[in-house]
Amino acid sequence: MKTKDELPDCPVATTVSLIGSKWKLLIIRNLLTRPWRFNELKKDLEGISQKVLTDSLRSMEEDGIVTRTIYAEVPPRVEYALSELGESLRPVLDAMSEWGTVYKKDA
């Protein structure tokens, strides 16, 4: 997790720095429905590279937004889910979804 000194003073800039990329928002959108495995996310997020997905998940894990659970199975199974902090983004994404729906309707 970033320290307060590493984050911008502006709260909006802080949010954008943590979740502002296109891919992070779409990953969070998916994780709001259920835990996902890496390959499921890769298949669902058309156009994302393996590197960008890996980097985005690692970054969000470091920031406390995503949890990574490794199951002791053969072959190993890894699932990504939203942490409690990540779940607190639900109203933000709901508002974005609502705004996008209205915009598309009026366009």
PDB file of N, CA and C in Angstrom:
ATOM      1  N   MET A   1       0.843  -1.181   0.000  1.00  0.00           N
ATOM      2  CA  MET A   1       0.000   0.000   0.000  1.00  0.00           C
ATOM      3  C   MET A   1       0.885   1.241   0.000  1.00  0.00           C
ATOM      4  N   LYS A   2       0.448   2.248  -0.746  1.00  0.00           N
ATOM      5  CA  LYS A   2       1.197   3.498  -0.802  1.00  0.00           C
ATOM      6  C   LYS A   2       1.017   4.260   0.511  1.00  0.00           C
ATOM      7  N   THR A   3       2.043   5.015   0.867  1.00  0.00           N
ATOM      8  CA  THR A   3       1.940   5.848   2.061  1.00  0.00           C
ATOM      9  C   THR A   3       1.264   7.160   1.679  1.00  0.00           C
ATOM     10  N   LYS A   4       0.809   7.888   2.678  1.00  0.00           N
ATOM     11  CA  LYS A   4       0.153   9.171   2.423  1.00  0.00           C
ATOM     12  C   LYS A   4       1.070  10.124   1.669  1.00  0.00           C
ATOM     13  N   ASP A   5       2.360  10.056   1.955  1.00  0.00           N
ATOM     14  CA  ASP A   5       3.320  10.938   1.288  1.00  0.00           C
ATOM     15  C   ASP A   5       3.473  10.613  -0.195  1.00  0.00           C
ATOM     16  N   GLU A   6       3.179   9.374  -0.578  1.00  0.00           N
ATOM     17  CA  GLU A   6       3.311   8.958  -1.973  1.00  0.00           C
ATOM     18  C   GLU A   6       2.076   9.282  -2.804  1.00  0.00           C
ATOM     19  N   LEU A   7       0.999   9.672  -2.150  1.00  0.00           N
ATOM     20  CA  LEU A   7      -0.260   9.930  -2.852  1.00  0.00           C
ATOM     21  C   LEU A   7      -0.442  11.422  -3.105  1.00  0.00           C
ATOM     22  N   PRO A   8      -1.154  11.770  -4.178  1.00  0.00           N
ATOM     23  CA  PRO A   8      -1.427  13.184  -4.460  1.00  0.00           C
ATOM     24  C   PRO A   8      -2.276  13.810  -3.354  1.00  0.00           C
ATOM     25  N   ASP A   9      -2.207  15.126  -3.236  1.00  0.00           N
ATOM     26  CA  ASP A   9      -3.016  15.834  -2.239  1.00  0.00           C
ATOM     27  C   ASP A   9      -4.502  15.780  -2.582  1.00  0.00           C
ATOM     28  N   CYS A  10      -4.807  15.835  -3.854  1.00  0.00           N
ATOM     29  CA  CYS A  10      -6.204  15.852  -4.310  1.00  0.00           C
ATOM     30  C   CYS A  10      -6.812  14.454  -4.218  1.00  0.00           C
ATOM     31  N   PRO A  11      -7.964  14.307  -3.563  1.00  0.00           N
ATOM     32  CA  PRO A  11      -8.599  12.990  -3.439  1.00  0.00           C
ATOM     33  C   PRO A  11      -8.970  12.365  -4.783  1.00  0.00           C
ATOM     34  N   VAL A  12      -9.393  13.183  -5.753  1.00  0.00           N
ATOM     35  CA  VAL A  12      -9.743  12.653  -7.072  1.00  0.00           C
ATOM     36  C   VAL A  12      -8.484  12.118  -7.752  1.00  0.00           C
ATOM     37  N   ALA A  13      -7.388  12.864  -7.640  1.00  0.00           N
ATOM     38  CA  ALA A  13      -6.116  12.415  -8.223  1.00  0.00           C
ATOM     39  C   ALA A  13      -5.641  11.129  -7.553  1.00  0.00           C
ATOM     40  N   THR A  14      -5.882  10.986  -6.260  1.00  0.00           N
ATOM     41  CA  THR A  14      -5.527   9.755  -5.552  1.00  0.00           C
ATOM     42  C   THR A  14      -6.298   8.574  -6.131  1.00  0.00           C
ATOM     43  N   THR A  15      -7.603   8.745  -6.303  1.00  0.00           N
ATOM     44  CA  THR A  15      -8.429   7.673  -6.859  1.00  0.00           C
ATOM     45  C   THR A  15      -7.970   7.315  -8.264  1.00  0.00           C
ATOM     46  N   VAL A  16      -7.742   8.318  -9.085  1.00  0.00           N
ATOM     47  CA  VAL A  16      -7.297   8.083 -10.462  1.00  0.00           C
ATOM     48  C   VAL A  16      -5.946   7.377 -10.470  1.00  0.00           C
ATOM     49  N   SER A  17      -5.046   7.743  -9.571  1.00  0.00           N
ATOM     50  CA  SER A  17      -3.727   7.094  -9.549  1.00  0.00           C
ATOM     51  C   SER A  17      -3.826   5.621  -9.178  1.00  0.00           C
ATOM     52  N   LEU A  18      -4.847   5.247  -8.408  1.00  0.00           N
ATOM     53  CA  LEU A  18      -4.997   3.859  -7.969  1.00  0.00           C
ATOM     54  C   LEU A  18      -5.808   3.004  -8.933  1.00  0.00           C
ATOM     55  N   ILE A  19      -6.841   3.564  -9.551  1.00  0.00           N
ATOM     56  CA  ILE A  19      -7.725   2.739 -10.385  1.00  0.00           C
ATOM     57  C   ILE A  19      -7.998   3.359 -11.755  1.00  0.00           C
ATOM     58  N   GLY A  20      -7.258   4.398 -12.118  1.00  0.00           N
ATOM     59  CA  GLY A  20      -7.603   5.199 -13.285  1.00  0.00           C
ATOM     60  C   GLY A  20      -7.317   4.615 -14.644  1.00  0.00           C
ATOM     61  N   SER A  21      -6.624   3.499 -14.724  1.00  0.00           N
ATOM     62  CA  SER A  21      -6.361   2.963 -16.056  1.00  0.00           C
ATOM     63  C   SER A  21      -7.586   2.211 -16.574  1.00  0.00           C
ATOM     64  N   LYS A  22      -7.703   2.164 -17.892  1.00  0.00           N
ATOM     65  CA  LYS A  22      -8.819   1.453 -18.526  1.00  0.00           C
ATOM     66  C   LYS A  22      -8.897   0.018 -18.028  1.00  0.00           C
ATOM     67  N   TRP A  23      -7.763  -0.659 -17.999  1.00  0.00           N
ATOM     68  CA  TRP A  23      -7.779  -2.078 -17.652  1.00  0.00           C
ATOM     69  C   TRP A  23      -8.100  -2.306 -16.185  1.00  0.00           C
ATOM     70  N   LYS A  24      -7.579  -1.474 -15.301  1.00  0.00           N
ATOM     71  CA  LYS A  24      -7.879  -1.656 -13.876  1.00  0.00           C
ATOM     72  C   LYS A  24      -9.379  -1.522 -13.619  1.00  0.00           C
ATOM     73  N   LEU A  25      -9.988  -0.540 -14.247  1.00  0.00           N
ATOM     74  CA  LEU A  25     -11.431  -0.363 -14.059  1.00  0.00           C
ATOM     75  C   LEU A  25     -12.211  -1.568 -14.562  1.00  0.00           C
ATOM     76  N   LEU A  26     -11.802  -2.120 -15.702  1.00  0.00           N
ATOM     77  CA  LEU A  26     -12.506  -3.288 -16.234  1.00  0.00           C
ATOM     78  C   LEU A  26     -12.239  -4.540 -15.396  1.00  0.00           C
ATOM     79  N   ILE A  27     -11.052  -4.671 -14.858  1.00  0.00           N
ATOM     80  CA  ILE A  27     -10.750  -5.788 -13.955  1.00  0.00           C
ATOM     81  C   ILE A  27     -11.633  -5.682 -12.712  1.00  0.00           C
ATOM     82  N   ILE A  28     -11.700  -4.494 -12.138  1.00  0.00           N
ATOM     83  CA  ILE A  28     -12.539  -4.282 -10.951  1.00  0.00           C
ATOM     84  C   ILE A  28     -14.001  -4.572 -11.279  1.00  0.00           C
ATOM     85  N   ARG A  29     -14.453  -4.113 -12.450  1.00  0.00           N
ATOM     86  CA  ARG A  29     -15.837  -4.391 -12.878  1.00  0.00           C
ATOM     87  C   ARG A  29     -16.116  -5.893 -12.830  1.00  0.00           C
ATOM     88  N   ASN A  30     -15.189  -6.690 -13.362  1.00  0.00           N
ATOM     89  CA  ASN A  30     -15.378  -8.143 -13.354  1.00  0.00           C
ATOM     90  C   ASN A  30     -15.348  -8.698 -11.937  1.00  0.00           C
ATOM     91  N   LEU A  31     -14.392  -8.240 -11.143  1.00  0.00           N
ATOM     92  CA  LEU A  31     -14.243  -8.782  -9.792  1.00  0.00           C
ATOM     93  C   LEU A  31     -15.404  -8.391  -8.877  1.00  0.00           C
ATOM     94  N   LEU A  32     -16.181  -7.396  -9.265  1.00  0.00           N
ATOM     95  CA  LEU A  32     -17.369  -7.045  -8.484  1.00  0.00           C
ATOM     96  C   LEU A  32     -18.424  -8.141  -8.555  1.00  0.00           C
ATOM     97  N   THR A  33     -18.343  -9.000  -9.585  1.00  0.00           N
ATOM     98  CA  THR A  33     -19.345 -10.058  -9.730  1.00  0.00           C
ATOM     99  C   THR A  33     -18.980 -11.317  -8.961  1.00  0.00           C
ATOM    100  N   ARG A  34     -17.672 -11.656  -8.920  1.00  0.00           N
ATOM    101  CA  ARG A  34     -17.210 -12.888  -8.267  1.00  0.00           C
ATOM    102  C   ARG A  34     -15.689 -12.942  -8.371  1.00  0.00           C
ATOM    103  N   PRO A  35     -15.046 -13.892  -7.662  1.00  0.00           N
ATOM    104  CA  PRO A  35     -13.612 -14.099  -7.871  1.00  0.00           C
ATOM    105  C   PRO A  35     -13.347 -14.678  -9.268  1.00  0.00           C
ATOM    106  N   TRP A  36     -12.235 -14.301  -9.854  1.00  0.00           N
ATOM    107  CA  TRP A  36     -11.882 -14.754 -11.198  1.00  0.00           C
ATOM    108  C   TRP A  36     -10.474 -15.337 -11.179  1.00  0.00           C
ATOM    109  N   ARG A  37     -10.253 -16.303 -12.059  1.00  0.00           N
ATOM    110  CA  ARG A  37      -8.910 -16.824 -12.298  1.00  0.00           C
ATOM    111  C   ARG A  37      -8.258 -15.973 -13.380  1.00  0.00           C
ATOM    112  N   PHE A  38      -6.922 -15.998 -13.411  1.00  0.00           N
ATOM    113  CA  PHE A  38      -6.163 -15.167 -14.339  1.00  0.00           C
ATOM    114  C   PHE A  38      -6.612 -15.382 -15.784  1.00  0.00           C
ATOM    115  N   ASN A  39      -6.666 -16.644 -16.217  1.00  0.00           N
ATOM    116  CA  ASN A  39      -7.009 -16.922 -17.613  1.00  0.00           C
ATOM    117  C   ASN A  39      -8.446 -16.529 -17.950  1.00  0.00           C
ATOM    118  N   GLU A  40      -9.334 -16.603 -16.969  1.00  0.00           N
ATOM    119  CA  GLU A  40     -10.711 -16.148 -17.197  1.00  0.00           C
ATOM    120  C   GLU A  40     -10.725 -14.644 -17.478  1.00  0.00           C
ATOM    121  N   LEU A  41      -9.968 -13.905 -16.669  1.00  0.00           N
ATOM    122  CA  LEU A  41      -9.893 -12.461 -16.880  1.00  0.00           C
ATOM    123  C   LEU A  41      -9.289 -12.150 -18.245  1.00  0.00           C
ATOM    124  N   LYS A  42      -8.215 -12.845 -18.587  1.00  0.00           N
ATOM    125  CA  LYS A  42      -7.530 -12.602 -19.862  1.00  0.00           C
ATOM    126  C   LYS A  42      -8.473 -12.835 -21.042  1.00  0.00           C
ATOM    127  N   LYS A  43      -9.261 -13.907 -20.972  1.00  0.00           N
ATOM    128  CA  LYS A  43     -10.204 -14.204 -22.056  1.00  0.00           C
ATOM    129  C   LYS A  43     -11.334 -13.181 -22.118  1.00  0.00           C
ATOM    130  N   ASP A  44     -11.818 -12.735 -20.962  1.00  0.00           N
ATOM    131  CA  ASP A  44     -12.947 -11.822 -20.922  1.00  0.00           C
ATOM    132  C   ASP A  44     -12.570 -10.397 -21.316  1.00  0.00           C
ATOM    133  N   LEU A  45     -11.350  -9.990 -20.991  1.00  0.00           N
ATOM    134  CA  LEU A  45     -10.901  -8.623 -21.272  1.00  0.00           C
ATOM    135  C   LEU A  45     -10.196  -8.606 -22.620  1.00  0.00           C
ATOM    136  N   GLU A  46     -10.988  -8.545 -23.657  1.00  0.00           N
ATOM    137  CA  GLU A  46     -10.477  -8.637 -25.014  1.00  0.00           C
ATOM    138  C   GLU A  46      -9.469  -7.516 -25.287  1.00  0.00           C
ATOM    139  N   GLY A  47      -8.267  -7.923 -25.714  1.00  0.00           N
ATOM    140  CA  GLY A  47      -7.242  -6.950 -26.071  1.00  0.00           C
ATOM    141  C   GLY A  47      -6.195  -6.718 -25.001  1.00  0.00           C
ATOM    142  N   ILE A  48      -6.408  -7.206 -23.793  1.00  0.00           N
ATOM    143  CA  ILE A  48      -5.410  -7.009 -22.736  1.00  0.00           C
ATOM    144  C   ILE A  48      -4.277  -8.012 -22.921  1.00  0.00           C
ATOM    145  N   SER A  49      -3.051  -7.547 -22.741  1.00  0.00           N
ATOM    146  CA  SER A  49      -1.910  -8.459 -22.841  1.00  0.00           C
ATOM    147  C   SER A  49      -1.693  -9.132 -21.492  1.00  0.00           C
ATOM    148  N   GLN A  50      -0.989 -10.246 -21.519  1.00  0.00           N
ATOM    149  CA  GLN A  50      -0.686 -10.963 -20.283  1.00  0.00           C
ATOM    150  C   GLN A  50       0.113 -10.076 -19.333  1.00  0.00           C
ATOM    151  N   LYS A  51       1.064  -9.316 -19.879  1.00  0.00           N
ATOM    152  CA  LYS A  51       1.907  -8.440 -19.058  1.00  0.00           C
ATOM    153  C   LYS A  51       1.080  -7.353 -18.381  1.00  0.00           C
ATOM    154  N   VAL A  52       0.198  -6.713 -19.138  1.00  0.00           N
ATOM    155  CA  VAL A  52      -0.621  -5.640 -18.564  1.00  0.00           C
ATOM    156  C   VAL A  52      -1.558  -6.200 -17.499  1.00  0.00           C
ATOM    157  N   LEU A  53      -2.148  -7.365 -17.742  1.00  0.00           N
ATOM    158  CA  LEU A  53      -3.019  -7.979 -16.749  1.00  0.00           C
ATOM    159  C   LEU A  53      -2.231  -8.322 -15.486  1.00  0.00           C
ATOM    160  N   THR A  54      -1.076  -8.935 -15.665  1.00  0.00           N
ATOM    161  CA  THR A  54      -0.226  -9.280 -14.519  1.00  0.00           C
ATOM    162  C   THR A  54       0.169  -8.036 -13.737  1.00  0.00           C
ATOM    163  N   ASP A  55       0.638  -7.013 -14.436  1.00  0.00           N
ATOM    164  CA  ASP A  55       1.072  -5.783 -13.772  1.00  0.00           C
ATOM    165  C   ASP A  55      -0.082  -5.091 -13.057  1.00  0.00           C
ATOM    166  N   SER A  56      -1.260  -5.081 -13.694  1.00  0.00           N
ATOM    167  CA  SER A  56      -2.429  -4.430 -13.087  1.00  0.00           C
ATOM    168  C   SER A  56      -2.869  -5.161 -11.827  1.00  0.00           C
ATOM    169  N   LEU A  57      -2.932  -6.484 -11.892  1.00  0.00           N
ATOM    170  CA  LEU A  57      -3.329  -7.268 -10.715  1.00  0.00           C
ATOM    171  C   LEU A  57      -2.322  -7.108  -9.584  1.00  0.00           C
ATOM    172  N   ARG A  58      -1.034  -7.149  -9.908  1.00  0.00           N
ATOM    173  CA  ARG A  58      -0.001  -6.973  -8.871  1.00  0.00           C
ATOM    174  C   ARG A  58      -0.099  -5.603  -8.225  1.00  0.00           C
ATOM    175  N   SER A  59      -0.277  -4.580  -9.046  1.00  0.00           N
ATOM    176  CA  SER A  59      -0.382  -3.218  -8.538  1.00  0.00           C
ATOM    177  C   SER A  59      -1.584  -3.070  -7.613  1.00  0.00           C
ATOM    178  N   MET A  60      -2.727  -3.607  -8.039  1.00  0.00           N
ATOM    179  CA  MET A  60      -3.928  -3.497  -7.205  1.00  0.00           C
ATOM    180  C   MET A  60      -3.811  -4.350  -5.942  1.00  0.00           C
ATOM    181  N   GLU A  61      -3.071  -5.450  -6.029  1.00  0.00           N
ATOM    182  CA  GLU A  61      -2.834  -6.257  -4.830  1.00  0.00           C
ATOM    183  C   GLU A  61      -1.962  -5.477  -3.846  1.00  0.00           C
ATOM    184  N   GLU A  62      -0.919  -4.841  -4.359  1.00  0.00           N
ATOM    185  CA  GLU A  62      -0.037  -4.032  -3.501  1.00  0.00           C
ATOM    186  C   GLU A  62      -0.788  -2.867  -2.861  1.00  0.00           C
ATOM    187  N   ASP A  63      -1.754  -2.321  -3.587  1.00  0.00           N
ATOM    188  CA  ASP A  63      -2.533  -1.192  -3.074  1.00  0.00           C
ATOM    189  C   ASP A  63      -3.671  -1.632  -2.167  1.00  0.00           C
ATOM    190  N   GLY A  64      -3.854  -2.948  -1.998  1.00  0.00           N
ATOM    191  CA  GLY A  64      -4.873  -3.459  -1.087  1.00  0.00           C
ATOM    192  C   GLY A  64      -6.263  -3.540  -1.683  1.00  0.00           C
ATOM    193  N   ILE A  65      -6.372  -3.409  -3.009  1.00  0.00           N
ATOM    194  CA  ILE A  65      -7.678  -3.425  -3.669  1.00  0.00           C
ATOM    195  C   ILE A  65      -8.092  -4.854  -4.039  1.00  0.00           C
ATOM    196  N   VAL A  66      -7.114  -5.685  -4.361  1.00  0.00           N
ATOM    197  CA  VAL A  66      -7.357  -7.050  -4.831  1.00  0.00           C
ATOM    198  C   VAL A  66      -6.637  -8.028  -3.906  1.00  0.00           C
ATOM    199  N   THR A  67      -7.265  -9.172  -3.682  1.00  0.00           N
ATOM    200  CA  THR A  67      -6.606 -10.260  -2.960  1.00  0.00           C
ATOM    201  C   THR A  67      -6.306 -11.388  -3.944  1.00  0.00           C
ATOM    202  N   ARG A  68      -5.252 -12.102  -3.662  1.00  0.00           N
ATOM    203  CA  ARG A  68      -4.826 -13.239  -4.493  1.00  0.00           C
ATOM    204  C   ARG A  68      -4.794 -14.460  -3.592  1.00  0.00           C
ATOM    205  N   THR A  69      -5.573 -15.478  -3.952  1.00  0.00           N
ATOM    206  CA  THR A  69      -5.636 -16.698  -3.152  1.00  0.00           C
ATOM    207  C   THR A  69      -5.093 -17.856  -3.975  1.00  0.00           C
ATOM    208  N   ILE A  70      -4.118 -18.557  -3.411  1.00  0.00           N
ATOM    209  CA  ILE A  70      -3.521 -19.718  -4.074  1.00  0.00           C
ATOM    210  C   ILE A  70      -4.044 -20.961  -3.378  1.00  0.00           C
ATOM    211  N   TYR A  71      -4.631 -21.868  -4.168  1.00  0.00           N
ATOM    212  CA  TYR A  71      -5.167 -23.109  -3.630  1.00  0.00           C
ATOM    213  C   TYR A  71      -4.158 -24.224  -3.866  1.00  0.00           C
ATOM    214  N   ALA A  72      -3.911 -25.008  -2.837  1.00  0.00           N
ATOM    215  CA  ALA A  72      -2.935 -26.101  -2.912  1.00  0.00           C
ATOM    216  C   ALA A  72      -3.555 -27.289  -3.637  1.00  0.00           C
ATOM    217  N   GLU A  73      -3.611 -27.189  -4.935  1.00  0.00           N
ATOM    218  CA  GLU A  73      -4.156 -28.246  -5.781  1.00  0.00           C
ATOM    219  C   GLU A  73      -3.146 -28.543  -6.876  1.00  0.00           C
ATOM    220  N   VAL A  74      -3.374 -29.600  -7.586  1.00  0.00           N
ATOM    221  CA  VAL A  74      -2.549 -29.908  -8.749  1.00  0.00           C
ATOM    222  C   VAL A  74      -3.460 -29.951  -9.959  1.00  0.00           C
ATOM    223  N   PRO A  75      -3.289 -29.060 -10.932  1.00  0.00           N
ATOM    224  CA  PRO A  75      -2.359 -27.931 -10.915  1.00  0.00           C
ATOM    225  C   PRO A  75      -2.837 -26.842  -9.955  1.00  0.00           C
ATOM    226  N   PRO A  76      -1.902 -25.984  -9.522  1.00  0.00           N
ATOM    227  CA  PRO A  76      -2.288 -24.923  -8.583  1.00  0.00           C
ATOM    228  C   PRO A  76      -3.363 -24.019  -9.183  1.00  0.00           C
ATOM    229  N   ARG A  77      -4.261 -23.578  -8.340  1.00  0.00           N
ATOM    230  CA  ARG A  77      -5.329 -22.670  -8.770  1.00  0.00           C
ATOM    231  C   ARG A  77      -5.156 -21.360  -8.016  1.00  0.00           C
ATOM    232  N   VAL A  78      -5.210 -20.262  -8.752  1.00  0.00           N
ATOM    233  CA  VAL A  78      -5.082 -18.930  -8.164  1.00  0.00           C
ATOM    234  C   VAL A  78      -6.332 -18.140  -8.527  1.00  0.00           C
ATOM    235  N   GLU A  79      -6.941 -17.526  -7.532  1.00  0.00           N
ATOM    236  CA  GLU A  79      -8.114 -16.695  -7.764  1.00  0.00           C
ATOM    237  C   GLU A  79      -7.850 -15.278  -7.275  1.00  0.00           C
ATOM    238  N   TYR A  80      -8.386 -14.335  -8.024  1.00  0.00           N
ATOM    239  CA  TYR A  80      -8.312 -12.928  -7.656  1.00  0.00           C
ATOM    240  C   TYR A  80      -9.705 -12.471  -7.266  1.00  0.00           C
ATOM    241  N   ALA A  81      -9.778 -11.697  -6.197  1.00  0.00           N
ATOM    242  CA  ALA A  81     -11.052 -11.174  -5.712  1.00  0.00           C
ATOM    243  C   ALA A  81     -10.811  -9.775  -5.171  1.00  0.00           C
ATOM    244  N   LEU A  82     -11.883  -9.040  -4.999  1.00  0.00           N
ATOM    245  CA  LEU A  82     -11.762  -7.724  -4.391  1.00  0.00           C
ATOM    246  C   LEU A  82     -11.631  -7.869  -2.885  1.00  0.00           C
ATOM    247  N   SER A  83     -10.768  -7.071  -2.316  1.00  0.00           N
ATOM    248  CA  SER A  83     -10.660  -6.995  -0.862  1.00  0.00           C
ATOM    249  C   SER A  83     -11.829  -6.158  -0.350  1.00  0.00           C
ATOM    250  N   GLU A  84     -11.903  -5.976   0.934  1.00  0.00           N
ATOM    251  CA  GLU A  84     -12.938  -5.106   1.499  1.00  0.00           C
ATOM    252  C   GLU A  84     -12.770  -3.684   0.957  1.00  0.00           C
ATOM    253  N   LEU A  85     -11.539  -3.240   0.845  1.00  0.00           N
ATOM    254  CA  LEU A  85     -11.263  -1.922   0.267  1.00  0.00           C
ATOM    255  C   LEU A  85     -11.714  -1.876  -1.189  1.00  0.00           C
ATOM    256  N   GLY A  86     -11.437  -2.931  -1.944  1.00  0.00           N
ATOM    257  CA  GLY A  86     -11.866  -2.999  -3.332  1.00  0.00           C
ATOM    258  C   GLY A  86     -13.375  -2.989  -3.464  1.00  0.00           C
ATOM    259  N   GLU A  87     -14.051  -3.710  -2.573  1.00  0.00           N
ATOM    260  CA  GLU A  87     -15.523  -3.727  -2.574  1.00  0.00           C
ATOM    261  C   GLU A  87     -16.094  -2.332  -2.331  1.00  0.00           C
ATOM    262  N   SER A  88     -15.365  -1.505  -1.596  1.00  0.00           N
ATOM    263  CA  SER A  88     -15.859  -0.149  -1.318  1.00  0.00           C
ATOM    264  C   SER A  88     -15.883   0.712  -2.582  1.00  0.00           C
ATOM    265  N   LEU A  89     -15.314   0.214  -3.680  1.00  0.00           N
ATOM    266  CA  LEU A  89     -15.368   0.925  -4.961  1.00  0.00           C
ATOM    267  C   LEU A  89     -16.680   0.679  -5.709  1.00  0.00           C
ATOM    268  N   ARG A  90     -17.499  -0.219  -5.218  1.00  0.00           N
ATOM    269  CA  ARG A  90     -18.756  -0.558  -5.905  1.00  0.00           C
ATOM    270  C   ARG A  90     -19.600   0.683  -6.230  1.00  0.00           C
ATOM    271  N   PRO A  91     -19.839   1.600  -5.278  1.00  0.00           N
ATOM    272  CA  PRO A  91     -20.651   2.774  -5.623  1.00  0.00           C
ATOM    273  C   PRO A  91     -19.998   3.649  -6.695  1.00  0.00           C
ATOM    274  N   VAL A  92     -18.681   3.673  -6.726  1.00  0.00           N
ATOM    275  CA  VAL A  92     -17.966   4.464  -7.735  1.00  0.00           C
ATOM    276  C   VAL A  92     -18.236   3.875  -9.116  1.00  0.00           C
ATOM    277  N   LEU A  93     -18.078   2.563  -9.253  1.00  0.00           N
ATOM    278  CA  LEU A  93     -18.317   1.932 -10.553  1.00  0.00           C
ATOM    279  C   LEU A  93     -19.797   1.925 -10.919  1.00  0.00           C
ATOM    280  N   ASP A  94     -20.669   1.801  -9.931  1.00  0.00           N
ATOM    281  CA  ASP A  94     -22.104   1.896 -10.205  1.00  0.00           C
ATOM    282  C   ASP A  94     -22.444   3.274 -10.774  1.00  0.00           C
ATOM    283  N   ALA A  95     -21.859   4.330 -10.198  1.00  0.00           N
ATOM    284  CA  ALA A  95     -22.101   5.688 -10.691  1.00  0.00           C
ATOM    285  C   ALA A  95     -21.543   5.849 -12.103  1.00  0.00           C
ATOM    286  N   MET A  96     -20.380   5.268 -12.371  1.00  0.00           N
ATOM    287  CA  MET A  96     -19.811   5.338 -13.718  1.00  0.00           C
ATOM    288  C   MET A  96     -20.697   4.613 -14.714  1.00  0.00           C
ATOM    289  N   SER A  97     -21.224   3.470 -14.318  1.00  0.00           N
ATOM    290  CA  SER A  97     -22.119   2.703 -15.188  1.00  0.00           C
ATOM    291  C   SER A  97     -23.392   3.488 -15.492  1.00  0.00           C
ATOM    292  N   GLU A  98     -23.957   4.069 -14.462  1.00  0.00           N
ATOM    293  CA  GLU A  98     -25.173   4.860 -14.636  1.00  0.00           C
ATOM    294  C   GLU A  98     -24.912   6.052 -15.559  1.00  0.00           C
ATOM    295  N   TRP A  99     -23.810   6.751 -15.347  1.00  0.00           N
ATOM    296  CA  TRP A  99     -23.469   7.903 -16.179  1.00  0.00           C
ATOM    297  C   TRP A  99     -23.270   7.470 -17.638  1.00  0.00           C
ATOM    298  N   GLY A 100     -22.568   6.356 -17.845  1.00  0.00           N
ATOM    299  CA  GLY A 100     -22.336   5.859 -19.198  1.00  0.00           C
ATOM    300  C   GLY A 100     -23.625   5.480 -19.901  1.00  0.00           C
ATOM    301  N   THR A 101     -24.557   4.897 -19.161  1.00  0.00           N
ATOM    302  CA  THR A 101     -25.858   4.529 -19.731  1.00  0.00           C
ATOM    303  C   THR A 101     -26.623   5.765 -20.179  1.00  0.00           C
ATOM    304  N   VAL A 102     -26.654   6.790 -19.337  1.00  0.00           N
ATOM    305  CA  VAL A 102     -27.339   8.037 -19.675  1.00  0.00           C
ATOM    306  C   VAL A 102     -26.667   8.699 -20.879  1.00  0.00           C
ATOM    307  N   TYR A 103     -25.365   8.711 -20.885  1.00  0.00           N
ATOM    308  CA  TYR A 103     -24.630   9.336 -21.990  1.00  0.00           C
ATOM    309  C   TYR A 103     -24.935   8.638 -23.319  1.00  0.00           C
ATOM    310  N   LYS A 104     -24.913   7.304 -23.298  1.00  0.00           N
ATOM    311  CA  LYS A 104     -25.204   6.555 -24.522  1.00  0.00           C
ATOM    312  C   LYS A 104     -26.633   6.797 -24.996  1.00  0.00           C
ATOM    313  N   LYS A 105     -27.559   6.917 -24.054  1.00  0.00           N
ATOM    314  CA  LYS A 105     -28.965   7.147 -24.403  1.00  0.00           C
ATOM    315  C   LYS A 105     -29.144   8.513 -25.063  1.00  0.00           C
ATOM    316  N   ASP A 106     -28.424   9.509 -24.554  1.00  0.00           N
ATOM    317  CA  ASP A 106     -28.568  10.880 -25.040  1.00  0.00           C
ATOM    318  C   ASP A 106     -27.686  11.191 -26.243  1.00  0.00           C
ATOM    319  N   ALA A 107     -26.750  10.292 -26.569  1.00  0.00           N
ATOM    320  CA  ALA A 107     -25.803  10.565 -27.660  1.00  0.00           C
ATOM    321  C   ALA A 107     -26.469  10.430 -29.010  1.00  0.00           C
TER     322      ALA A 107
END
